[in-house]
Amino acid sequence: MGSSGQKPRKPSHSKHLPKVGSKENREFELREKRKVDFGGWPIAIVAMLVVILAIAVIAIT
């Protein structure tokens, strides 16, 4: 009846969150919001389409 085979009580991916209202908390929330709003594939796809459109307009004129 040892505990060596049991799961750890705390997940390894958990992290300490800053105290609510602190400067660190505001910075953390801003970073998370930027990730959600501006990160990922949609921005890259839109940027590529804009570049392709600009090249097409230059080639046509």
PDB file of N, CA and C in Angstrom:
ATOM      1  N   MET A   1       0.809  -1.178   0.000  1.00  0.00           N
ATOM      2  CA  MET A   1       0.000   0.000   0.000  1.00  0.00           C
ATOM      3  C   MET A   1       0.861   1.253   0.000  1.00  0.00           C
ATOM      4  N   GLY A   2       1.740   1.343  -0.955  1.00  0.00           N
ATOM      5  CA  GLY A   2       2.583   2.527  -1.051  1.00  0.00           C
ATOM      6  C   GLY A   2       1.961   3.565  -1.957  1.00  0.00           C
ATOM      7  N   SER A   3       2.449   4.755  -1.866  1.00  0.00           N
ATOM      8  CA  SER A   3       1.909   5.835  -2.690  1.00  0.00           C
ATOM      9  C   SER A   3       2.763   6.092  -3.925  1.00  0.00           C
ATOM     10  N   SER A   4       3.717   5.226  -4.196  1.00  0.00           N
ATOM     11  CA  SER A   4       4.611   5.484  -5.320  1.00  0.00           C
ATOM     12  C   SER A   4       3.890   5.354  -6.668  1.00  0.00           C
ATOM     13  N   GLY A   5       2.805   4.612  -6.742  1.00  0.00           N
ATOM     14  CA  GLY A   5       2.101   4.437  -7.996  1.00  0.00           C
ATOM     15  C   GLY A   5       0.961   5.401  -8.212  1.00  0.00           C
ATOM     16  N   GLN A   6       0.698   6.257  -7.266  1.00  0.00           N
ATOM     17  CA  GLN A   6      -0.418   7.187  -7.395  1.00  0.00           C
ATOM     18  C   GLN A   6      -0.027   8.384  -8.251  1.00  0.00           C
ATOM     19  N   LYS A   7      -1.041   9.034  -8.767  1.00  0.00           N
ATOM     20  CA  LYS A   7      -0.813  10.247  -9.548  1.00  0.00           C
ATOM     21  C   LYS A   7      -0.339  11.361  -8.616  1.00  0.00           C
ATOM     22  N   PRO A   8       0.419  12.315  -9.160  1.00  0.00           N
ATOM     23  CA  PRO A   8       0.780  13.476  -8.333  1.00  0.00           C
ATOM     24  C   PRO A   8      -0.464  14.305  -8.019  1.00  0.00           C
ATOM     25  N   ARG A   9      -0.472  14.943  -6.885  1.00  0.00           N
ATOM     26  CA  ARG A   9      -1.640  15.710  -6.470  1.00  0.00           C
ATOM     27  C   ARG A   9      -1.797  16.989  -7.266  1.00  0.00           C
ATOM     28  N   LYS A  10      -0.702  17.553  -7.720  1.00  0.00           N
ATOM     29  CA  LYS A  10      -0.764  18.813  -8.442  1.00  0.00           C
ATOM     30  C   LYS A  10      -0.283  18.576  -9.875  1.00  0.00           C
ATOM     31  N   PRO A  11      -1.047  18.980 -10.880  1.00  0.00           N
ATOM     32  CA  PRO A  11      -0.602  18.778 -12.253  1.00  0.00           C
ATOM     33  C   PRO A  11       0.682  19.553 -12.547  1.00  0.00           C
ATOM     34  N   SER A  12       1.499  19.020 -13.432  1.00  0.00           N
ATOM     35  CA  SER A  12       2.772  19.666 -13.738  1.00  0.00           C
ATOM     36  C   SER A  12       2.586  20.928 -14.573  1.00  0.00           C
ATOM     37  N   HIS A  13       1.457  21.065 -15.251  1.00  0.00           N
ATOM     38  CA  HIS A  13       1.234  22.240 -16.086  1.00  0.00           C
ATOM     39  C   HIS A  13       0.591  23.399 -15.329  1.00  0.00           C
ATOM     40  N   SER A  14       0.306  23.228 -14.055  1.00  0.00           N
ATOM     41  CA  SER A  14      -0.314  24.318 -13.303  1.00  0.00           C
ATOM     42  C   SER A  14       0.720  25.400 -13.037  1.00  0.00           C
ATOM     43  N   LYS A  15       0.243  26.634 -12.973  1.00  0.00           N
ATOM     44  CA  LYS A  15       1.147  27.746 -12.720  1.00  0.00           C
ATOM     45  C   LYS A  15       0.507  28.710 -11.734  1.00  0.00           C
ATOM     46  N   HIS A  16       1.344  29.442 -11.065  1.00  0.00           N
ATOM     47  CA  HIS A  16       0.872  30.419 -10.094  1.00  0.00           C
ATOM     48  C   HIS A  16       0.361  31.649 -10.822  1.00  0.00           C
ATOM     49  N   LEU A  17      -0.825  32.076 -10.503  1.00  0.00           N
ATOM     50  CA  LEU A  17      -1.380  33.283 -11.091  1.00  0.00           C
ATOM     51  C   LEU A  17      -1.105  34.465 -10.171  1.00  0.00           C
ATOM     52  N   PRO A  18      -0.866  35.648 -10.748  1.00  0.00           N
ATOM     53  CA  PRO A  18      -0.585  36.818  -9.907  1.00  0.00           C
ATOM     54  C   PRO A  18      -1.809  37.250  -9.110  1.00  0.00           C
ATOM     55  N   LYS A  19      -1.556  37.973  -8.034  1.00  0.00           N
ATOM     56  CA  LYS A  19      -2.615  38.461  -7.160  1.00  0.00           C
ATOM     57  C   LYS A  19      -3.518  39.433  -7.927  1.00  0.00           C
ATOM     58  N   VAL A  20      -4.813  39.321  -7.737  1.00  0.00           N
ATOM     59  CA  VAL A  20      -5.789  40.127  -8.457  1.00  0.00           C
ATOM     60  C   VAL A  20      -5.575  41.610  -8.156  1.00  0.00           C
ATOM     61  N   GLY A  21      -5.558  42.418  -9.219  1.00  0.00           N
ATOM     62  CA  GLY A  21      -5.406  43.855  -9.068  1.00  0.00           C
ATOM     63  C   GLY A  21      -3.973  44.343  -9.097  1.00  0.00           C
ATOM     64  N   SER A  22      -3.010  43.424  -9.071  1.00  0.00           N
ATOM     65  CA  SER A  22      -1.614  43.839  -9.079  1.00  0.00           C
ATOM     66  C   SER A  22      -1.171  44.179 -10.499  1.00  0.00           C
ATOM     67  N   LYS A  23      -0.015  44.805 -10.608  1.00  0.00           N
ATOM     68  CA  LYS A  23       0.529  45.150 -11.926  1.00  0.00           C
ATOM     69  C   LYS A  23       0.772  43.883 -12.738  1.00  0.00           C
ATOM     70  N   GLU A  24       1.281  42.849 -12.096  1.00  0.00           N
ATOM     71  CA  GLU A  24       1.532  41.583 -12.779  1.00  0.00           C
ATOM     72  C   GLU A  24       0.237  40.984 -13.318  1.00  0.00           C
ATOM     73  N   ASN A  25      -0.839  41.113 -12.545  1.00  0.00           N
ATOM     74  CA  ASN A  25      -2.134  40.599 -12.968  1.00  0.00           C
ATOM     75  C   ASN A  25      -2.636  41.328 -14.208  1.00  0.00           C
ATOM     76  N   ARG A  26      -2.511  42.650 -14.205  1.00  0.00           N
ATOM     77  CA  ARG A  26      -2.951  43.426 -15.372  1.00  0.00           C
ATOM     78  C   ARG A  26      -2.125  43.067 -16.604  1.00  0.00           C
ATOM     79  N   GLU A  27      -0.814  42.883 -16.445  1.00  0.00           N
ATOM     80  CA  GLU A  27       0.045  42.504 -17.569  1.00  0.00           C
ATOM     81  C   GLU A  27      -0.302  41.103 -18.067  1.00  0.00           C
ATOM     82  N   PHE A  28      -0.566  40.182 -17.137  1.00  0.00           N
ATOM     83  CA  PHE A  28      -0.932  38.820 -17.502  1.00  0.00           C
ATOM     84  C   PHE A  28      -2.233  38.805 -18.299  1.00  0.00           C
ATOM     85  N   GLU A  29      -3.226  39.546 -17.833  1.00  0.00           N
ATOM     86  CA  GLU A  29      -4.512  39.606 -18.529  1.00  0.00           C
ATOM     87  C   GLU A  29      -4.363  40.226 -19.911  1.00  0.00           C
ATOM     88  N   LEU A  30      -3.528  41.245 -20.039  1.00  0.00           N
ATOM     89  CA  LEU A  30      -3.298  41.885 -21.325  1.00  0.00           C
ATOM     90  C   LEU A  30      -2.637  40.913 -22.305  1.00  0.00           C
ATOM     91  N   ARG A  31      -1.634  40.161 -21.829  1.00  0.00           N
ATOM     92  CA  ARG A  31      -0.969  39.161 -22.685  1.00  0.00           C
ATOM     93  C   ARG A  31      -1.947  38.087 -23.132  1.00  0.00           C
ATOM     94  N   GLU A  32      -2.779  37.605 -22.216  1.00  0.00           N
ATOM     95  CA  GLU A  32      -3.747  36.576 -22.566  1.00  0.00           C
ATOM     96  C   GLU A  32      -4.772  37.109 -23.570  1.00  0.00           C
ATOM     97  N   LYS A  33      -5.203  38.345 -23.386  1.00  0.00           N
ATOM     98  CA  LYS A  33      -6.175  38.934 -24.311  1.00  0.00           C
ATOM     99  C   LYS A  33      -5.560  39.107 -25.694  1.00  0.00           C
ATOM    100  N   ARG A  34      -4.309  39.530 -25.746  1.00  0.00           N
ATOM    101  CA  ARG A  34      -3.637  39.674 -27.042  1.00  0.00           C
ATOM    102  C   ARG A  34      -3.501  38.331 -27.742  1.00  0.00           C
ATOM    103  N   LYS A  35      -3.205  37.291 -26.985  1.00  0.00           N
ATOM    104  CA  LYS A  35      -3.113  35.954 -27.580  1.00  0.00           C
ATOM    105  C   LYS A  35      -4.430  35.563 -28.227  1.00  0.00           C
ATOM    106  N   VAL A  36      -5.518  35.819 -27.522  1.00  0.00           N
ATOM    107  CA  VAL A  36      -6.837  35.441 -28.022  1.00  0.00           C
ATOM    108  C   VAL A  36      -7.228  36.319 -29.211  1.00  0.00           C
ATOM    109  N   ASP A  37      -7.006  37.621 -29.112  1.00  0.00           N
ATOM    110  CA  ASP A  37      -7.458  38.545 -30.146  1.00  0.00           C
ATOM    111  C   ASP A  37      -6.596  38.529 -31.397  1.00  0.00           C
ATOM    112  N   PHE A  38      -5.274  38.509 -31.235  1.00  0.00           N
ATOM    113  CA  PHE A  38      -4.392  38.725 -32.374  1.00  0.00           C
ATOM    114  C   PHE A  38      -3.508  37.541 -32.730  1.00  0.00           C
ATOM    115  N   GLY A  39      -3.536  36.497 -31.986  1.00  0.00           N
ATOM    116  CA  GLY A  39      -2.631  35.389 -32.247  1.00  0.00           C
ATOM    117  C   GLY A  39      -3.233  34.333 -33.139  1.00  0.00           C
ATOM    118  N   GLY A  40      -2.383  33.500 -33.683  1.00  0.00           N
ATOM    119  CA  GLY A  40      -2.863  32.350 -34.422  1.00  0.00           C
ATOM    120  C   GLY A  40      -2.927  32.526 -35.917  1.00  0.00           C
ATOM    121  N   TRP A  41      -3.572  31.581 -36.564  1.00  0.00           N
ATOM    122  CA  TRP A  41      -3.631  31.497 -38.021  1.00  0.00           C
ATOM    123  C   TRP A  41      -4.450  32.584 -38.689  1.00  0.00           C
ATOM    124  N   PRO A  42      -5.558  33.037 -38.169  1.00  0.00           N
ATOM    125  CA  PRO A  42      -6.353  34.022 -38.919  1.00  0.00           C
ATOM    126  C   PRO A  42      -5.569  35.267 -39.312  1.00  0.00           C
ATOM    127  N   ILE A  43      -4.750  35.773 -38.427  1.00  0.00           N
ATOM    128  CA  ILE A  43      -3.969  36.972 -38.738  1.00  0.00           C
ATOM    129  C   ILE A  43      -2.955  36.672 -39.835  1.00  0.00           C
ATOM    130  N   ALA A  44      -2.309  35.513 -39.779  1.00  0.00           N
ATOM    131  CA  ALA A  44      -1.327  35.150 -40.799  1.00  0.00           C
ATOM    132  C   ALA A  44      -1.990  35.007 -42.164  1.00  0.00           C
ATOM    133  N   ILE A  45      -3.166  34.426 -42.202  1.00  0.00           N
ATOM    134  CA  ILE A  45      -3.878  34.244 -43.477  1.00  0.00           C
ATOM    135  C   ILE A  45      -4.282  35.602 -44.051  1.00  0.00           C
ATOM    136  N   VAL A  46      -4.806  36.484 -43.227  1.00  0.00           N
ATOM    137  CA  VAL A  46      -5.199  37.814 -43.694  1.00  0.00           C
ATOM    138  C   VAL A  46      -3.980  38.583 -44.195  1.00  0.00           C
ATOM    139  N   ALA A  47      -2.871  38.492 -43.482  1.00  0.00           N
ATOM    140  CA  ALA A  47      -1.651  39.188 -43.905  1.00  0.00           C
ATOM    141  C   ALA A  47      -1.170  38.664 -45.252  1.00  0.00           C
ATOM    142  N   MET A  48      -1.208  37.354 -45.438  1.00  0.00           N
ATOM    143  CA  MET A  48      -0.786  36.777 -46.724  1.00  0.00           C
ATOM    144  C   MET A  48      -1.715  37.219 -47.846  1.00  0.00           C
ATOM    145  N   LEU A  49      -3.008  37.257 -47.597  1.00  0.00           N
ATOM    146  CA  LEU A  49      -3.955  37.705 -48.622  1.00  0.00           C
ATOM    147  C   LEU A  49      -3.730  39.169 -48.997  1.00  0.00           C
ATOM    148  N   VAL A  50      -3.425  39.995 -48.037  1.00  0.00           N
ATOM    149  CA  VAL A  50      -3.156  41.409 -48.315  1.00  0.00           C
ATOM    150  C   VAL A  50      -1.905  41.553 -49.180  1.00  0.00           C
ATOM    151  N   VAL A  51      -0.872  40.793 -48.858  1.00  0.00           N
ATOM    152  CA  VAL A  51       0.361  40.842 -49.645  1.00  0.00           C
ATOM    153  C   VAL A  51       0.104  40.357 -51.067  1.00  0.00           C
ATOM    154  N   ILE A  52      -0.619  39.264 -51.221  1.00  0.00           N
ATOM    155  CA  ILE A  52      -0.926  38.740 -52.552  1.00  0.00           C
ATOM    156  C   ILE A  52      -1.763  39.739 -53.339  1.00  0.00           C
ATOM    157  N   LEU A  53      -2.731  40.361 -52.683  1.00  0.00           N
ATOM    158  CA  LEU A  53      -3.568  41.362 -53.344  1.00  0.00           C
ATOM    159  C   LEU A  53      -2.740  42.565 -53.779  1.00  0.00           C
ATOM    160  N   ALA A  54      -1.821  42.999 -52.928  1.00  0.00           N
ATOM    161  CA  ALA A  54      -0.963  44.145 -53.276  1.00  0.00           C
ATOM    162  C   ALA A  54      -0.084  43.803 -54.479  1.00  0.00           C
ATOM    163  N   ILE A  55       0.491  42.610 -54.517  1.00  0.00           N
ATOM    164  CA  ILE A  55       1.309  42.194 -55.665  1.00  0.00           C
ATOM    165  C   ILE A  55       0.466  42.112 -56.919  1.00  0.00           C
ATOM    166  N   ALA A  56      -0.763  41.612 -56.804  1.00  0.00           N
ATOM    167  CA  ALA A  56      -1.649  41.524 -57.970  1.00  0.00           C
ATOM    168  C   ALA A  56      -1.996  42.911 -58.504  1.00  0.00           C
ATOM    169  N   VAL A  57      -2.263  43.862 -57.626  1.00  0.00           N
ATOM    170  CA  VAL A  57      -2.594  45.225 -58.057  1.00  0.00           C
ATOM    171  C   VAL A  57      -1.395  45.856 -58.753  1.00  0.00           C
ATOM    172  N   ILE A  58      -0.210  45.642 -58.227  1.00  0.00           N
ATOM    173  CA  ILE A  58       1.011  46.184 -58.849  1.00  0.00           C
ATOM    174  C   ILE A  58       1.231  45.544 -60.211  1.00  0.00           C
ATOM    175  N   ALA A  59       1.010  44.243 -60.334  1.00  0.00           N
ATOM    176  CA  ALA A  59       1.215  43.534 -61.600  1.00  0.00           C
ATOM    177  C   ALA A  59       0.206  43.977 -62.664  1.00  0.00           C
ATOM    178  N   ILE A  60      -1.010  44.273 -62.258  1.00  0.00           N
ATOM    179  CA  ILE A  60      -2.053  44.662 -63.207  1.00  0.00           C
ATOM    180  C   ILE A  60      -1.789  46.078 -63.743  1.00  0.00           C
ATOM    181  N   THR A  61      -1.297  46.950 -62.880  1.00  0.00           N
ATOM    182  CA  THR A  61      -1.109  48.356 -63.315  1.00  0.00           C
ATOM    183  C   THR A  61       0.175  48.594 -64.016  1.00  0.00           C
TER     184      THR A  61
END
